Amino acid sequence: MPELTVEQIMKLLPHRYPILLVDRVAEMDTEAQTIVGIKNVSINEPFFQGHFPGMPVMPGVLQLEAMAQTGGILLVTLLQTTDVIPYFMSIDKAKFRRVVKPGDQLHIEVQITTLKARLARMKATVKVGDEVASQAELMCMITPREAID
């Protein structure tokens, strides 16, 4: 499948600046249920003002959010509808192995391991170059948009 631009991503996800944390989709394989998203980390990110002044570090919770958003793009694509929104249910086995700093480019790799009518489980890894920065197992509930409007 061809890569997706940020404009195409915004048609699939409800997130917007400053919380949209996927700039581009580099790869997506719907048969293998895998995706690779890209996040370019800039010093202009609003969270760097307070995390941490003089030593900017991307919060781990935002790396988890980037994983979830990348997985959400894949889910919405697999379900072939934008009438659903995936919501976090759980995060397991989260590990943070490398500091993420301004100038880093995150390669967010997600594979869906279980997909049911209202539930999805996925494994995700964030890499900077060849180094693993973070990883986790995520579970989300697939909710019809009309249920939250």
Protein backbone atom coordinates (compact mmCIF):
# COMPACT_ATOMS: atom_id res chain seq x y z
CA MET A 1 0.00 0.00 0.00
CA PRO A 2 1.40 3.48 -0.77
CA GLU A 3 2.52 5.72 2.03
CA LEU A 4 0.06 8.14 3.60
CA THR A 5 0.59 11.87 4.06
CA VAL A 6 -0.43 13.79 7.17
CA GLU A 7 -3.47 15.10 5.30
CA GLN A 8 -4.59 11.52 4.59
CA ILE A 9 -3.88 10.53 8.21
CA MET A 10 -6.14 13.36 9.45
CA LYS A 11 -9.00 11.88 7.40
CA LEU A 12 -8.59 8.62 9.35
CA LEU A 13 -7.93 9.92 12.89
CA PRO A 14 -9.72 12.61 14.90
CA HIS A 15 -6.43 13.88 16.41
CA ARG A 16 -5.06 17.32 15.52
CA TYR A 17 -2.09 19.47 16.53
CA PRO A 18 -0.61 19.39 19.11
CA ILE A 19 -1.60 15.78 19.87
CA LEU A 20 -1.39 14.28 16.37
CA LEU A 21 1.84 12.31 16.69
CA VAL A 22 2.14 10.61 13.30
CA ASP A 23 3.53 12.68 10.43
CA ARG A 24 3.47 10.02 7.74
CA VAL A 25 2.85 6.34 7.12
CA ALA A 26 5.88 4.81 5.41
CA GLU A 27 4.55 1.26 5.06
CA MET A 28 1.29 -0.58 5.57
CA ASP A 29 0.56 -4.23 4.86
CA THR A 30 -3.11 -4.98 5.44
CA GLU A 31 -2.65 -8.74 4.90
CA ALA A 32 0.09 -8.97 7.52
CA GLN A 33 -1.74 -6.34 9.61
CA THR A 34 1.40 -4.25 10.05
CA ILE A 35 2.20 -0.56 9.69
CA VAL A 36 5.20 1.75 10.05
CA GLY A 37 4.47 5.34 10.99
CA ILE A 38 6.94 8.22 11.09
CA LYS A 39 7.14 10.99 13.68
CA ASN A 40 9.74 13.72 13.22
CA VAL A 41 10.59 15.06 16.67
CA SER A 42 11.18 18.82 16.61
CA ILE A 43 12.38 21.21 19.32
CA ASN A 44 9.19 23.15 18.52
CA GLU A 45 7.02 20.46 20.15
CA PRO A 46 5.03 22.16 22.94
CA PHE A 47 5.90 19.48 25.53
CA PHE A 48 9.62 20.35 25.39
CA GLN A 49 8.93 23.62 27.23
CA GLY A 50 8.47 21.68 30.43
CA HIS A 51 9.97 18.24 29.79
CA PHE A 52 12.71 19.08 30.66
CA PRO A 53 13.93 22.71 30.39
CA GLY A 54 17.55 22.68 29.24
CA MET A 55 17.42 18.91 28.58
CA PRO A 56 14.49 18.21 26.19
CA VAL A 57 13.20 14.63 26.34
CA MET A 58 10.05 13.29 24.66
CA PRO A 59 7.75 11.88 27.35
CA GLY A 60 7.26 8.12 27.25
CA VAL A 61 3.50 8.54 27.46
CA LEU A 62 3.59 10.44 24.15
CA GLN A 63 5.60 7.63 22.58
CA LEU A 64 2.79 5.28 23.70
CA GLU A 65 0.24 7.67 22.19
CA ALA A 66 2.17 7.67 18.89
CA MET A 67 2.05 3.85 18.93
CA ALA A 68 -1.70 3.90 19.54
CA GLN A 69 -2.35 6.45 16.79
CA THR A 70 -0.28 4.44 14.32
CA GLY A 71 -2.22 1.31 15.26
CA GLY A 72 -5.46 3.30 14.92
CA ILE A 73 -4.58 4.24 11.35
CA LEU A 74 -4.10 0.55 10.54
CA LEU A 75 -7.34 -0.46 12.29
CA VAL A 76 -9.46 2.15 10.52
CA THR A 77 -7.89 1.11 7.22
CA LEU A 78 -8.56 -2.60 7.87
CA LEU A 79 -12.15 -1.92 8.91
CA GLN A 80 -12.61 0.28 5.83
CA THR A 81 -14.58 2.91 7.71
CA THR A 82 -13.96 6.20 9.48
CA ASP A 83 -17.16 5.67 11.49
CA VAL A 84 -15.18 4.12 14.38
CA ILE A 85 -12.65 5.41 16.88
CA PRO A 86 -10.20 3.09 18.68
CA TYR A 87 -9.92 3.88 22.42
CA PHE A 88 -7.12 2.70 24.73
CA MET A 89 -8.15 -0.10 27.07
CA SER A 90 -4.77 -1.21 28.35
CA ILE A 91 -1.02 -0.89 27.99
CA ASP A 92 1.12 -3.87 28.96
CA LYS A 93 4.83 -4.63 29.01
CA ALA A 94 5.79 -1.00 28.27
CA LYS A 95 9.55 -0.51 28.23
CA PHE A 96 11.57 2.61 27.56
CA ARG A 97 15.09 1.86 26.37
CA ARG A 98 16.44 5.08 24.85
CA VAL A 99 15.89 8.80 25.37
CA VAL A 100 14.07 10.49 22.47
CA LYS A 101 15.34 14.02 21.76
CA PRO A 102 14.69 16.81 19.26
CA GLY A 103 16.01 15.85 15.83
CA ASP A 104 15.16 12.16 16.24
CA GLN A 105 12.90 10.46 13.72
CA LEU A 106 10.65 7.82 15.21
CA HIS A 107 9.83 4.71 13.21
CA ILE A 108 6.67 3.40 14.85
CA GLU A 109 6.14 -0.27 14.01
CA VAL A 110 2.79 -1.81 14.94
CA GLN A 111 1.39 -5.27 14.33
CA ILE A 112 -2.17 -6.24 15.18
CA THR A 113 -2.14 -9.56 17.02
CA THR A 114 -5.90 -9.89 17.67
CA LEU A 115 -8.77 -8.23 15.84
CA LYS A 116 -12.35 -8.82 16.92
CA ALA A 117 -15.54 -6.86 16.29
CA ARG A 118 -15.02 -4.43 19.19
CA LEU A 119 -11.47 -5.17 20.37
CA ALA A 120 -7.95 -5.09 19.01
CA ARG A 121 -4.60 -6.04 20.52
CA MET A 122 -1.31 -4.96 19.05
CA LYS A 123 2.43 -5.04 19.62
CA ALA A 124 4.32 -1.82 18.99
CA THR A 125 7.94 -0.72 18.85
CA VAL A 126 9.39 2.76 18.43
CA LYS A 127 12.85 2.87 16.89
CA VAL A 128 15.30 5.69 16.30
CA GLY A 129 17.58 4.41 13.58
CA ASP A 130 18.33 0.81 14.54
CA GLU A 131 17.86 1.42 18.28
CA VAL A 132 14.67 0.50 20.10
CA ALA A 133 13.45 3.55 22.02
CA SER A 134 10.26 2.03 23.45
CA GLN A 135 7.90 -0.87 23.08
CA ALA A 136 4.56 -2.00 24.44
CA GLU A 137 1.55 -4.22 23.97
CA LEU A 138 -1.66 -2.21 23.53
CA MET A 139 -5.32 -3.08 23.60
CA CYS A 140 -8.12 -0.86 22.37
CA MET A 141 -11.87 -0.86 22.13
CA ILE A 142 -13.33 -0.13 18.70
CA THR A 143 -16.17 2.34 19.28
CA PRO A 144 -18.69 3.69 16.77
CA ARG A 145 -18.28 7.47 16.41
CA GLU A 146 -22.02 7.94 16.91
CA ALA A 147 -21.69 6.49 20.43
CA ILE A 148 -19.53 9.47 21.46
CA ASP A 149 -21.19 12.30 19.53
